[in-house]
N, C-alpha and C. Protein backbone atom coordinates (compact mmCIF):
# COMPACT_ATOMS: atom_id res chain seq x y z
N MET A 1 -20.57 48.88 -63.09
CA MET A 1 -21.32 48.17 -62.06
C MET A 1 -20.98 46.67 -62.10
N ILE A 2 -21.02 46.11 -63.35
CA ILE A 2 -20.74 44.68 -63.49
C ILE A 2 -19.30 44.39 -63.10
N LYS A 3 -18.38 45.28 -63.54
CA LYS A 3 -16.96 45.10 -63.21
C LYS A 3 -16.74 45.16 -61.70
N ALA A 4 -17.45 46.04 -61.01
CA ALA A 4 -17.30 46.16 -59.55
C ALA A 4 -17.76 44.89 -58.85
N LYS A 5 -18.88 44.31 -59.33
CA LYS A 5 -19.37 43.06 -58.74
C LYS A 5 -18.39 41.93 -58.98
N MET A 6 -17.81 41.88 -60.21
CA MET A 6 -16.86 40.82 -60.51
C MET A 6 -15.61 40.94 -59.66
N ASP A 7 -15.17 42.21 -59.47
CA ASP A 7 -13.99 42.42 -58.61
C ASP A 7 -14.27 41.99 -57.18
N ARG A 8 -15.49 42.29 -56.70
CA ARG A 8 -15.86 41.93 -55.33
C ARG A 8 -15.93 40.41 -55.17
N ARG A 9 -16.50 39.73 -56.17
CA ARG A 9 -16.58 38.26 -56.11
C ARG A 9 -15.19 37.63 -56.19
N MET A 10 -14.35 38.22 -57.05
CA MET A 10 -12.99 37.69 -57.16
C MET A 10 -12.25 37.85 -55.84
N SER A 11 -12.47 38.98 -55.19
CA SER A 11 -11.82 39.21 -53.89
C SER A 11 -12.33 38.23 -52.86
N GLU A 12 -13.63 37.91 -52.89
CA GLU A 12 -14.19 36.94 -51.95
C GLU A 12 -13.63 35.54 -52.20
N VAL A 13 -13.48 35.18 -53.49
CA VAL A 13 -12.93 33.87 -53.84
C VAL A 13 -11.50 33.74 -53.35
N VAL A 14 -10.70 34.80 -53.56
CA VAL A 14 -9.31 34.78 -53.12
C VAL A 14 -9.23 34.67 -51.60
N SER A 15 -10.08 35.43 -50.90
CA SER A 15 -10.08 35.39 -49.43
C SER A 15 -10.48 34.01 -48.92
N SER A 16 -11.49 33.42 -49.60
CA SER A 16 -11.94 32.08 -49.21
C SER A 16 -10.84 31.05 -49.42
N ALA A 17 -10.15 31.18 -50.56
CA ALA A 17 -9.06 30.23 -50.85
C ALA A 17 -7.95 30.35 -49.82
N GLN A 18 -7.63 31.60 -49.47
CA GLN A 18 -6.59 31.81 -48.46
C GLN A 18 -7.02 31.24 -47.11
N PHE A 19 -8.27 31.41 -46.75
CA PHE A 19 -8.78 30.88 -45.48
C PHE A 19 -8.69 29.36 -45.44
N HIS A 20 -9.06 28.71 -46.57
CA HIS A 20 -9.02 27.25 -46.62
C HIS A 20 -7.58 26.74 -46.56
N ARG A 21 -6.66 27.48 -47.22
CA ARG A 21 -5.26 27.07 -47.15
C ARG A 21 -4.73 27.14 -45.72
N ILE A 22 -5.08 28.23 -45.04
CA ILE A 22 -4.65 28.38 -43.64
C ILE A 22 -5.28 27.31 -42.75
N SER A 23 -6.57 27.03 -42.99
CA SER A 23 -7.26 26.00 -42.20
C SER A 23 -6.63 24.63 -42.41
N ASN A 24 -6.34 24.32 -43.68
CA ASN A 24 -5.71 23.02 -43.97
C ASN A 24 -4.34 22.92 -43.33
N LEU A 25 -3.59 24.02 -43.34
CA LEU A 25 -2.27 24.02 -42.72
C LEU A 25 -2.37 23.78 -41.22
N VAL A 26 -3.31 24.47 -40.57
CA VAL A 26 -3.52 24.30 -39.13
C VAL A 26 -3.92 22.87 -38.81
N LEU A 27 -4.84 22.30 -39.60
CA LEU A 27 -5.27 20.93 -39.36
C LEU A 27 -4.12 19.94 -39.56
N SER A 28 -3.28 20.18 -40.57
CA SER A 28 -2.14 19.30 -40.83
C SER A 28 -1.18 19.32 -39.65
N VAL A 29 -0.90 20.53 -39.14
CA VAL A 29 0.00 20.65 -37.97
C VAL A 29 -0.60 19.94 -36.77
N ALA A 30 -1.92 20.09 -36.56
CA ALA A 30 -2.58 19.44 -35.42
C ALA A 30 -2.50 17.93 -35.53
N VAL A 31 -2.69 17.40 -36.75
CA VAL A 31 -2.60 15.94 -36.95
C VAL A 31 -1.20 15.45 -36.67
N VAL A 32 -0.19 16.18 -37.15
CA VAL A 32 1.21 15.79 -36.90
C VAL A 32 1.51 15.80 -35.41
N LEU A 33 1.08 16.85 -34.72
CA LEU A 33 1.31 16.93 -33.27
C LEU A 33 0.60 15.79 -32.54
N LEU A 34 -0.61 15.43 -32.98
CA LEU A 34 -1.36 14.34 -32.36
C LEU A 34 -0.63 13.01 -32.55
N VAL A 35 -0.12 12.77 -33.76
CA VAL A 35 0.61 11.53 -34.03
C VAL A 35 1.86 11.46 -33.16
N ILE A 36 2.60 12.57 -33.06
CA ILE A 36 3.81 12.59 -32.24
C ILE A 36 3.48 12.31 -30.78
N THR A 37 2.38 12.91 -30.30
CA THR A 37 1.97 12.70 -28.91
C THR A 37 1.61 11.24 -28.65
N VAL A 38 0.87 10.63 -29.58
CA VAL A 38 0.48 9.22 -29.42
C VAL A 38 1.70 8.31 -29.44
N LEU A 39 2.64 8.58 -30.32
CA LEU A 39 3.83 7.74 -30.42
C LEU A 39 4.74 7.88 -29.21
N ASN A 40 4.78 9.05 -28.62
CA ASN A 40 5.68 9.29 -27.48
C ASN A 40 5.09 8.88 -26.15
N ASN A 41 3.78 8.73 -26.10
CA ASN A 41 3.13 8.36 -24.84
C ASN A 41 2.84 6.87 -24.82
N GLU A 42 3.27 6.19 -23.76
CA GLU A 42 3.00 4.76 -23.63
C GLU A 42 1.55 4.54 -23.22
N PRO A 43 0.87 3.61 -23.83
CA PRO A 43 -0.53 3.36 -23.45
C PRO A 43 -0.62 2.80 -22.04
N VAL A 44 -1.58 3.27 -21.28
CA VAL A 44 -1.79 2.82 -19.91
C VAL A 44 -3.09 2.04 -19.86
N THR A 45 -3.05 0.87 -19.25
CA THR A 45 -4.22 -0.01 -19.18
C THR A 45 -4.53 -0.32 -17.73
N GLN A 46 -5.78 -0.30 -17.39
CA GLN A 46 -6.21 -0.68 -16.05
C GLN A 46 -7.05 -1.93 -16.17
N ILE A 47 -6.68 -2.97 -15.40
CA ILE A 47 -7.39 -4.23 -15.45
C ILE A 47 -7.61 -4.76 -14.05
N ILE A 48 -8.58 -5.61 -13.90
CA ILE A 48 -8.81 -6.31 -12.64
C ILE A 48 -8.36 -7.75 -12.86
N PRO A 49 -7.25 -8.17 -12.26
CA PRO A 49 -6.74 -9.52 -12.49
C PRO A 49 -7.68 -10.58 -11.93
N PRO A 50 -7.66 -11.78 -12.48
CA PRO A 50 -8.54 -12.85 -11.98
C PRO A 50 -8.27 -13.16 -10.52
N LYS A 51 -9.35 -13.34 -9.78
CA LYS A 51 -9.28 -13.76 -8.38
C LYS A 51 -8.62 -12.73 -7.47
N LEU A 52 -8.47 -11.50 -7.94
CA LEU A 52 -7.91 -10.45 -7.10
C LEU A 52 -8.81 -9.23 -7.17
N ASP A 53 -9.16 -8.69 -6.02
CA ASP A 53 -10.01 -7.50 -5.98
C ASP A 53 -9.15 -6.26 -5.89
N GLU A 54 -8.19 -6.15 -6.79
CA GLU A 54 -7.29 -5.01 -6.76
C GLU A 54 -7.05 -4.52 -8.18
N ARG A 55 -7.24 -3.24 -8.39
CA ARG A 55 -7.04 -2.65 -9.72
C ARG A 55 -5.55 -2.53 -10.01
N ILE A 56 -5.18 -2.88 -11.24
CA ILE A 56 -3.78 -2.85 -11.65
C ILE A 56 -3.59 -1.79 -12.73
N THR A 57 -2.56 -0.97 -12.58
CA THR A 57 -2.20 0.01 -13.59
C THR A 57 -0.87 -0.38 -14.18
N MET A 58 -0.78 -0.43 -15.51
CA MET A 58 0.46 -0.84 -16.15
C MET A 58 0.60 -0.17 -17.51
N SER A 59 1.85 0.00 -17.94
CA SER A 59 2.14 0.46 -19.29
C SER A 59 3.16 -0.51 -19.86
N VAL A 60 3.80 -0.13 -20.97
CA VAL A 60 4.71 -1.06 -21.63
C VAL A 60 5.89 -1.44 -20.75
N ASN A 61 6.44 -0.47 -20.02
CA ASN A 61 7.64 -0.74 -19.22
C ASN A 61 7.49 -0.30 -17.77
N MET A 62 6.27 -0.17 -17.28
CA MET A 62 6.07 0.25 -15.90
C MET A 62 4.79 -0.36 -15.36
N ALA A 63 4.86 -0.89 -14.14
CA ALA A 63 3.69 -1.50 -13.52
C ALA A 63 3.66 -1.13 -12.04
N ASP A 64 2.46 -1.12 -11.46
CA ASP A 64 2.35 -0.77 -10.05
C ASP A 64 2.47 -2.01 -9.18
N SER A 65 2.33 -1.80 -7.87
CA SER A 65 2.52 -2.89 -6.91
C SER A 65 1.48 -4.00 -7.09
N GLY A 66 0.27 -3.64 -7.54
CA GLY A 66 -0.76 -4.65 -7.74
C GLY A 66 -0.35 -5.67 -8.80
N TYR A 67 0.22 -5.18 -9.90
CA TYR A 67 0.70 -6.06 -10.96
C TYR A 67 1.82 -6.95 -10.44
N LYS A 68 2.75 -6.38 -9.68
CA LYS A 68 3.91 -7.12 -9.17
C LYS A 68 3.47 -8.19 -8.16
N LYS A 69 2.51 -7.85 -7.30
CA LYS A 69 2.02 -8.84 -6.34
C LYS A 69 1.29 -9.99 -7.04
N ALA A 70 0.50 -9.65 -8.07
CA ALA A 70 -0.25 -10.68 -8.78
C ALA A 70 0.68 -11.68 -9.45
N TRP A 71 1.70 -11.18 -10.14
CA TRP A 71 2.63 -12.08 -10.84
C TRP A 71 3.54 -12.82 -9.87
N ALA A 72 3.97 -12.16 -8.79
CA ALA A 72 4.81 -12.84 -7.80
C ALA A 72 4.04 -13.98 -7.14
N LYS A 73 2.79 -13.76 -6.84
CA LYS A 73 1.96 -14.81 -6.24
C LYS A 73 1.77 -15.95 -7.22
N TYR A 74 1.59 -15.63 -8.49
CA TYR A 74 1.45 -16.67 -9.51
C TYR A 74 2.70 -17.54 -9.57
N VAL A 75 3.88 -16.91 -9.59
CA VAL A 75 5.15 -17.66 -9.65
C VAL A 75 5.32 -18.52 -8.41
N ALA A 76 4.97 -17.99 -7.23
CA ALA A 76 5.12 -18.74 -5.98
C ALA A 76 4.22 -19.98 -5.98
N ILE A 77 2.98 -19.81 -6.41
CA ILE A 77 2.05 -20.94 -6.46
C ILE A 77 2.52 -21.97 -7.48
N LEU A 78 3.02 -21.48 -8.62
CA LEU A 78 3.53 -22.38 -9.65
C LEU A 78 4.72 -23.19 -9.13
N ALA A 79 5.64 -22.50 -8.46
CA ALA A 79 6.85 -23.17 -7.97
C ALA A 79 6.57 -24.08 -6.79
N GLY A 80 5.56 -23.77 -6.00
CA GLY A 80 5.31 -24.53 -4.78
C GLY A 80 4.44 -25.74 -4.93
N ASN A 81 3.79 -25.90 -6.09
CA ASN A 81 2.88 -27.02 -6.28
C ASN A 81 3.37 -27.87 -7.45
N VAL A 82 4.17 -28.89 -7.12
CA VAL A 82 4.75 -29.71 -8.18
C VAL A 82 4.51 -31.19 -7.91
N THR A 83 4.48 -31.93 -8.98
CA THR A 83 4.37 -33.39 -8.95
C THR A 83 5.38 -33.93 -9.97
N PRO A 84 5.64 -35.23 -9.94
CA PRO A 84 6.54 -35.79 -10.96
C PRO A 84 6.04 -35.52 -12.39
N ALA A 85 4.74 -35.40 -12.55
CA ALA A 85 4.18 -35.22 -13.89
C ALA A 85 4.32 -33.79 -14.41
N ASN A 86 4.29 -32.80 -13.51
CA ASN A 86 4.30 -31.41 -13.99
C ASN A 86 5.58 -30.65 -13.66
N VAL A 87 6.53 -31.25 -12.96
CA VAL A 87 7.69 -30.51 -12.47
C VAL A 87 8.53 -29.94 -13.61
N GLN A 88 8.67 -30.66 -14.71
CA GLN A 88 9.44 -30.14 -15.85
C GLN A 88 8.75 -28.93 -16.46
N PHE A 89 7.43 -29.02 -16.58
CA PHE A 89 6.66 -27.89 -17.10
C PHE A 89 6.79 -26.68 -16.19
N VAL A 90 6.72 -26.89 -14.88
CA VAL A 90 6.86 -25.81 -13.91
C VAL A 90 8.24 -25.17 -14.03
N SER A 91 9.27 -25.99 -14.11
CA SER A 91 10.64 -25.47 -14.24
C SER A 91 10.80 -24.64 -15.50
N ASP A 92 10.29 -25.13 -16.62
CA ASP A 92 10.40 -24.41 -17.89
C ASP A 92 9.61 -23.10 -17.85
N SER A 93 8.42 -23.14 -17.26
CA SER A 93 7.57 -21.95 -17.21
C SER A 93 8.21 -20.86 -16.36
N ILE A 94 8.77 -21.22 -15.22
CA ILE A 94 9.44 -20.24 -14.37
C ILE A 94 10.69 -19.71 -15.06
N GLY A 95 11.44 -20.60 -15.71
CA GLY A 95 12.65 -20.19 -16.40
C GLY A 95 12.38 -19.14 -17.47
N GLU A 96 11.24 -19.23 -18.15
CA GLU A 96 10.90 -18.27 -19.19
C GLU A 96 10.61 -16.88 -18.64
N LEU A 97 10.26 -16.79 -17.35
CA LEU A 97 9.94 -15.51 -16.74
C LEU A 97 11.14 -14.83 -16.11
N LEU A 98 12.24 -15.56 -15.92
CA LEU A 98 13.38 -15.04 -15.19
C LEU A 98 14.25 -14.13 -16.07
N ALA A 99 14.78 -13.07 -15.46
CA ALA A 99 15.77 -12.25 -16.13
C ALA A 99 17.03 -13.09 -16.34
N PRO A 100 17.83 -12.81 -17.37
CA PRO A 100 19.00 -13.64 -17.69
C PRO A 100 19.93 -13.88 -16.51
N ASP A 101 20.26 -12.84 -15.73
CA ASP A 101 21.18 -13.03 -14.61
C ASP A 101 20.57 -13.89 -13.52
N VAL A 102 19.26 -13.76 -13.31
CA VAL A 102 18.58 -14.58 -12.31
C VAL A 102 18.51 -16.02 -12.78
N TYR A 103 18.26 -16.22 -14.06
CA TYR A 103 18.17 -17.58 -14.60
C TYR A 103 19.50 -18.32 -14.42
N HIS A 104 20.61 -17.65 -14.70
CA HIS A 104 21.92 -18.30 -14.54
C HIS A 104 22.16 -18.70 -13.08
N ARG A 105 21.60 -17.91 -12.16
CA ARG A 105 21.83 -18.20 -10.74
C ARG A 105 20.98 -19.35 -10.24
N VAL A 106 19.74 -19.47 -10.73
CA VAL A 106 18.82 -20.46 -10.16
C VAL A 106 18.56 -21.64 -11.09
N SER A 107 19.13 -21.63 -12.29
CA SER A 107 18.87 -22.73 -13.22
C SER A 107 19.30 -24.07 -12.64
N GLY A 108 20.41 -24.08 -11.90
CA GLY A 108 20.86 -25.31 -11.26
C GLY A 108 19.87 -25.80 -10.23
N GLU A 109 19.28 -24.86 -9.47
CA GLU A 109 18.30 -25.23 -8.47
C GLU A 109 17.04 -25.81 -9.13
N LEU A 110 16.65 -25.23 -10.25
CA LEU A 110 15.47 -25.74 -10.96
C LEU A 110 15.74 -27.15 -11.50
N GLY A 111 16.93 -27.35 -12.03
CA GLY A 111 17.28 -28.68 -12.53
C GLY A 111 17.32 -29.71 -11.41
N SER A 112 17.85 -29.30 -10.25
CA SER A 112 17.90 -30.19 -9.10
C SER A 112 16.49 -30.52 -8.61
N LEU A 113 15.60 -29.54 -8.66
CA LEU A 113 14.21 -29.76 -8.26
C LEU A 113 13.56 -30.82 -9.14
N VAL A 114 13.75 -30.68 -10.44
CA VAL A 114 13.17 -31.65 -11.38
C VAL A 114 13.70 -33.05 -11.09
N PHE A 115 15.01 -33.18 -10.89
CA PHE A 115 15.62 -34.48 -10.63
C PHE A 115 15.10 -35.10 -9.34
N THR A 116 15.06 -34.30 -8.28
CA THR A 116 14.64 -34.82 -6.97
C THR A 116 13.19 -35.25 -6.96
N VAL A 117 12.32 -34.40 -7.51
CA VAL A 117 10.89 -34.70 -7.51
C VAL A 117 10.61 -35.96 -8.32
N GLN A 118 11.23 -36.08 -9.47
CA GLN A 118 10.99 -37.25 -10.31
C GLN A 118 11.60 -38.51 -9.72
N LYS A 119 12.78 -38.39 -9.11
CA LYS A 119 13.44 -39.56 -8.53
C LYS A 119 12.70 -40.08 -7.31
N GLU A 120 12.27 -39.18 -6.44
CA GLU A 120 11.63 -39.59 -5.19
C GLU A 120 10.11 -39.65 -5.32
N ALA A 121 9.59 -39.27 -6.48
CA ALA A 121 8.13 -39.26 -6.69
C ALA A 121 7.44 -38.42 -5.63
N ARG A 122 8.08 -37.35 -5.25
CA ARG A 122 7.48 -36.50 -4.21
C ARG A 122 6.52 -35.48 -4.80
N ARG A 123 5.66 -35.00 -3.95
CA ARG A 123 4.72 -33.96 -4.32
C ARG A 123 4.83 -32.83 -3.30
N THR A 124 4.69 -31.63 -3.78
CA THR A 124 4.72 -30.50 -2.86
C THR A 124 3.50 -29.62 -3.09
N THR A 125 3.01 -29.02 -2.03
CA THR A 125 1.90 -28.08 -2.12
C THR A 125 2.28 -26.81 -1.38
N PHE A 126 1.80 -25.69 -1.89
CA PHE A 126 2.05 -24.41 -1.24
C PHE A 126 0.76 -23.61 -1.24
N ILE A 127 0.33 -23.22 -0.04
CA ILE A 127 -0.90 -22.44 0.11
C ILE A 127 -0.52 -21.07 0.67
N PRO A 128 -0.59 -20.00 -0.14
CA PRO A 128 -0.23 -18.67 0.35
C PRO A 128 -1.16 -18.21 1.46
N LYS A 129 -0.57 -17.62 2.49
CA LYS A 129 -1.33 -17.08 3.61
C LYS A 129 -1.23 -15.56 3.70
N ARG A 130 -0.11 -15.04 3.19
CA ARG A 130 0.12 -13.61 3.32
C ARG A 130 0.99 -13.13 2.17
N VAL A 131 0.62 -11.99 1.58
CA VAL A 131 1.40 -11.38 0.50
C VAL A 131 1.73 -9.96 0.90
N LEU A 132 3.02 -9.62 0.84
CA LEU A 132 3.48 -8.30 1.27
C LEU A 132 4.38 -7.69 0.20
N TYR A 133 4.11 -6.45 -0.18
CA TYR A 133 4.98 -5.72 -1.11
C TYR A 133 5.80 -4.70 -0.34
N GLU A 134 7.12 -4.77 -0.47
CA GLU A 134 8.03 -3.83 0.20
C GLU A 134 8.51 -2.83 -0.85
N GLU A 135 8.03 -1.61 -0.73
CA GLU A 135 8.29 -0.59 -1.75
C GLU A 135 9.78 -0.24 -1.86
N VAL A 136 10.47 -0.15 -0.73
CA VAL A 136 11.88 0.26 -0.75
C VAL A 136 12.74 -0.72 -1.55
N SER A 137 12.54 -2.00 -1.32
CA SER A 137 13.32 -3.02 -2.01
C SER A 137 12.67 -3.49 -3.31
N ASP A 138 11.41 -3.09 -3.53
CA ASP A 138 10.64 -3.49 -4.70
C ASP A 138 10.47 -5.02 -4.75
N LYS A 139 10.37 -5.65 -3.58
CA LYS A 139 10.22 -7.09 -3.50
C LYS A 139 8.82 -7.45 -3.00
N VAL A 140 8.35 -8.60 -3.44
CA VAL A 140 7.09 -9.15 -2.95
C VAL A 140 7.41 -10.39 -2.13
N PHE A 141 6.84 -10.50 -0.94
CA PHE A 141 7.04 -11.65 -0.07
C PHE A 141 5.72 -12.42 -0.01
N ILE A 142 5.78 -13.69 -0.36
CA ILE A 142 4.60 -14.55 -0.30
C ILE A 142 4.87 -15.63 0.74
N GLU A 143 4.14 -15.59 1.82
CA GLU A 143 4.34 -16.53 2.94
C GLU A 143 3.16 -17.49 2.99
N GLY A 144 3.47 -18.77 3.23
CA GLY A 144 2.38 -19.74 3.29
C GLY A 144 2.82 -21.10 3.81
N ASP A 145 1.89 -22.03 3.79
CA ASP A 145 2.14 -23.39 4.26
C ASP A 145 2.68 -24.24 3.11
N TYR A 146 3.86 -24.79 3.31
CA TYR A 146 4.51 -25.62 2.29
C TYR A 146 4.55 -27.05 2.82
N GLU A 147 4.06 -27.96 2.00
CA GLU A 147 3.97 -29.35 2.44
C GLU A 147 4.66 -30.28 1.43
N ILE A 148 5.48 -31.18 1.95
CA ILE A 148 6.14 -32.19 1.13
C ILE A 148 5.52 -33.54 1.43
N LEU A 149 5.09 -34.22 0.39
CA LEU A 149 4.49 -35.55 0.57
C LEU A 149 5.34 -36.57 -0.18
N LEU A 150 5.79 -37.58 0.54
CA LEU A 150 6.58 -38.66 -0.05
C LEU A 150 5.70 -39.89 -0.21
N PRO A 151 5.91 -40.67 -1.26
CA PRO A 151 5.06 -41.84 -1.50
C PRO A 151 5.27 -42.92 -0.46
N SER A 152 4.27 -43.77 -0.32
CA SER A 152 4.31 -44.84 0.66
C SER A 152 5.17 -46.00 0.17
N ASP A 153 5.77 -46.72 1.11
CA ASP A 153 6.52 -47.94 0.79
C ASP A 153 5.61 -49.16 0.75
N ASP A 154 4.35 -48.95 1.12
CA ASP A 154 3.39 -50.05 1.18
C ASP A 154 2.82 -50.30 -0.21
N ALA A 155 3.25 -51.37 -0.86
CA ALA A 155 2.78 -51.67 -2.21
C ALA A 155 1.29 -51.96 -2.26
N LEU A 156 0.73 -52.43 -1.15
CA LEU A 156 -0.69 -52.75 -1.11
C LEU A 156 -1.55 -51.50 -0.94
N ASN A 157 -0.93 -50.42 -0.48
CA ASN A 157 -1.67 -49.20 -0.24
C ASN A 157 -0.85 -48.00 -0.73
N PRO A 158 -0.67 -47.85 -2.04
CA PRO A 158 0.17 -46.79 -2.57
C PRO A 158 -0.39 -45.40 -2.33
N ALA A 159 -1.67 -45.33 -2.01
CA ALA A 159 -2.26 -44.02 -1.78
C ALA A 159 -1.82 -43.42 -0.44
N SER A 160 -1.36 -44.27 0.48
CA SER A 160 -0.91 -43.75 1.76
C SER A 160 0.42 -43.01 1.59
N ARG A 161 0.77 -42.22 2.59
CA ARG A 161 1.96 -41.40 2.48
C ARG A 161 3.01 -41.84 3.49
N ARG A 162 4.28 -41.92 2.99
CA ARG A 162 5.36 -42.31 3.89
C ARG A 162 5.76 -41.15 4.79
N GLY A 163 5.72 -39.98 4.23
CA GLY A 163 6.10 -38.81 5.01
C GLY A 163 5.26 -37.61 4.64
N ARG A 164 4.96 -36.80 5.61
CA ARG A 164 4.16 -35.59 5.38
C ARG A 164 4.75 -34.49 6.25
N HIS A 165 5.38 -33.51 5.63
CA HIS A 165 6.07 -32.46 6.37
C HIS A 165 5.52 -31.10 5.96
N THR A 166 4.99 -30.37 6.90
CA THR A 166 4.45 -29.04 6.64
C THR A 166 5.31 -28.00 7.32
N MET A 167 5.70 -26.98 6.56
CA MET A 167 6.56 -25.93 7.09
C MET A 167 6.07 -24.57 6.59
N GLN A 168 6.54 -23.52 7.24
CA GLN A 168 6.24 -22.17 6.78
C GLN A 168 7.33 -21.75 5.80
N LYS A 169 6.92 -21.45 4.59
CA LYS A 169 7.89 -21.11 3.54
C LYS A 169 7.59 -19.73 2.97
N VAL A 170 8.65 -19.06 2.53
CA VAL A 170 8.53 -17.73 1.95
C VAL A 170 9.15 -17.72 0.56
N TYR A 171 8.41 -17.18 -0.38
CA TYR A 171 8.96 -16.89 -1.71
C TYR A 171 9.20 -15.39 -1.79
N GLU A 172 10.42 -15.03 -2.09
CA GLU A 172 10.83 -13.62 -2.17
C GLU A 172 11.10 -13.30 -3.64
N ILE A 173 10.23 -12.49 -4.23
CA ILE A 173 10.24 -12.29 -5.68
C ILE A 173 10.13 -10.80 -6.00
N ALA A 174 10.91 -10.38 -6.97
CA ALA A 174 10.81 -9.01 -7.50
C ALA A 174 10.42 -9.12 -8.97
N VAL A 175 9.32 -8.48 -9.32
CA VAL A 175 8.80 -8.56 -10.69
C VAL A 175 8.83 -7.18 -11.34
N ASP A 176 9.34 -7.12 -12.56
CA ASP A 176 9.32 -5.90 -13.35
C ASP A 176 8.53 -6.19 -14.61
N ILE A 177 8.37 -5.18 -15.45
CA ILE A 177 7.68 -5.38 -16.73
C ILE A 177 8.56 -4.81 -17.83
N GLU A 178 8.73 -5.56 -18.88
CA GLU A 178 9.59 -5.16 -20.00
C GLU A 178 8.89 -5.48 -21.31
N ASN A 179 8.67 -4.43 -22.10
CA ASN A 179 7.95 -4.59 -23.37
C ASN A 179 6.60 -5.27 -23.19
N GLY A 180 5.93 -4.93 -22.09
CA GLY A 180 4.59 -5.44 -21.83
C GLY A 180 4.53 -6.82 -21.21
N ALA A 181 5.69 -7.45 -20.97
CA ALA A 181 5.71 -8.80 -20.41
C ALA A 181 6.36 -8.79 -19.04
N PRO A 182 5.89 -9.67 -18.11
CA PRO A 182 6.49 -9.72 -16.77
C PRO A 182 7.91 -10.27 -16.82
N LEU A 183 8.77 -9.75 -15.95
CA LEU A 183 10.16 -10.19 -15.88
C LEU A 183 10.55 -10.31 -14.42
N VAL A 184 10.93 -11.52 -14.00
CA VAL A 184 11.33 -11.75 -12.61
C VAL A 184 12.81 -11.41 -12.48
N LYS A 185 13.10 -10.34 -11.73
CA LYS A 185 14.48 -9.87 -11.59
C LYS A 185 15.10 -10.30 -10.26
N HIS A 186 14.33 -10.96 -9.42
CA HIS A 186 14.86 -11.51 -8.17
C HIS A 186 13.98 -12.67 -7.76
N PHE A 187 14.61 -13.79 -7.38
CA PHE A 187 13.86 -14.97 -6.98
C PHE A 187 14.63 -15.69 -5.89
N ASP A 188 14.00 -15.85 -4.74
CA ASP A 188 14.61 -16.56 -3.63
C ASP A 188 13.51 -17.23 -2.82
N THR A 189 13.86 -18.29 -2.15
CA THR A 189 12.88 -18.99 -1.31
C THR A 189 13.58 -19.56 -0.10
N TYR A 190 12.89 -19.56 1.03
CA TYR A 190 13.49 -20.03 2.28
C TYR A 190 12.38 -20.33 3.28
N PHE A 191 12.75 -21.05 4.33
CA PHE A 191 11.81 -21.37 5.39
C PHE A 191 11.98 -20.37 6.53
N GLY A 192 10.87 -20.07 7.20
CA GLY A 192 10.94 -19.14 8.32
C GLY A 192 10.23 -17.84 8.00
N PRO A 193 10.51 -16.78 8.75
CA PRO A 193 9.81 -15.51 8.56
C PRO A 193 10.29 -14.76 7.31
N MET A 194 9.52 -13.79 6.90
CA MET A 194 9.89 -12.95 5.77
C MET A 194 11.14 -12.13 6.10
N LYS A 195 12.10 -12.13 5.20
CA LYS A 195 13.33 -11.36 5.43
C LYS A 195 13.19 -9.97 4.82
N THR A 196 12.28 -9.21 5.40
CA THR A 196 12.10 -7.83 4.96
C THR A 196 13.26 -6.99 5.48
N LEU A 197 13.37 -5.76 5.00
CA LEU A 197 14.44 -4.87 5.46
C LEU A 197 14.31 -4.60 6.95
N GLU A 198 13.07 -4.48 7.43
CA GLU A 198 12.83 -4.26 8.86
C GLU A 198 13.31 -5.47 9.67
N TYR A 199 13.01 -6.67 9.17
CA TYR A 199 13.44 -7.89 9.87
C TYR A 199 14.96 -8.00 9.87
N LEU A 200 15.59 -7.74 8.76
CA LEU A 200 17.05 -7.84 8.68
C LEU A 200 17.74 -6.83 9.58
N GLU A 201 17.19 -5.63 9.63
CA GLU A 201 17.77 -4.60 10.51
C GLU A 201 17.61 -5.00 11.97
N ARG A 202 16.46 -5.59 12.31
CA ARG A 202 16.24 -6.03 13.68
C ARG A 202 17.22 -7.14 14.04
N GLN A 203 17.45 -8.07 13.11
CA GLN A 203 18.40 -9.15 13.37
C GLN A 203 19.83 -8.62 13.51
N ASN A 204 20.18 -7.65 12.68
CA ASN A 204 21.52 -7.05 12.78
C ASN A 204 21.70 -6.32 14.11
N ARG A 205 20.64 -5.67 14.57
CA ARG A 205 20.71 -4.95 15.84
C ARG A 205 20.89 -5.92 16.99
N LEU A 206 20.16 -7.05 16.95
CA LEU A 206 20.31 -8.06 17.99
C LEU A 206 21.72 -8.66 17.98
N THR A 207 22.26 -8.87 16.77
CA THR A 207 23.62 -9.42 16.65
C THR A 207 24.64 -8.46 17.25
N ARG A 208 24.48 -7.17 16.96
CA ARG A 208 25.42 -6.18 17.51
C ARG A 208 25.33 -6.12 19.04
N GLU A 209 24.10 -6.25 19.54
CA GLU A 209 23.93 -6.22 21.00
C GLU A 209 24.59 -7.42 21.65
N VAL A 210 24.42 -8.59 21.02
CA VAL A 210 25.06 -9.81 21.57
C VAL A 210 26.57 -9.69 21.51
N GLN A 211 27.08 -9.20 20.40
CA GLN A 211 28.53 -9.03 20.28
C GLN A 211 29.06 -8.01 21.26
N GLY A 212 28.24 -6.98 21.53
CA GLY A 212 28.66 -5.97 22.51
C GLY A 212 28.73 -6.51 23.92
N GLN A 213 27.77 -7.40 24.21
CA GLN A 213 27.77 -8.01 25.55
C GLN A 213 28.94 -8.98 25.71
N GLY A 214 29.33 -9.61 24.57
CA GLY A 214 30.44 -10.56 24.64
C GLY A 214 31.77 -9.87 24.77
């Protein structure tokens, strides 16, 4: 009787040990799979950017149109509002955001901007009026009022302005995200309407029609 009870208890102990070993093995595999899943999946964050009522979705190397519009607008405002005191800071800040190939292309323009603004003591302001994201080209167009103010020649009234010129200006910017940081992969600026793909096609069509008539 005693031997039978001992055999039964021993069998229960062995079964319990086997169950715990299998459970531990299953848990270990689950933990490994969880770690692999976390490492392979990029974290996604949703934020509401300051002064914008638009939700932004972004990961380490991918961002939606809301993120691109927010950063493109920031760059446009930064580039469009300069004074002799801040123009070097503006140039350096924009340069840090540019992709290497874009920086090589526009670095001369940034240097010329710094020289001109400081030499002429000019001030510029840019007030965005319209922001458009073109999905096909992945470009953001920021259109607004651009104003150049030149200092007065009147020594008795330096606060007055010698010249005040307001024009419609467009900043054409393409923003990507790399390792969690914004990267400007296209930067252009010009006066006049937005040069969207639709606008360019319309202009090409008009040119062909004129050439056909000629």
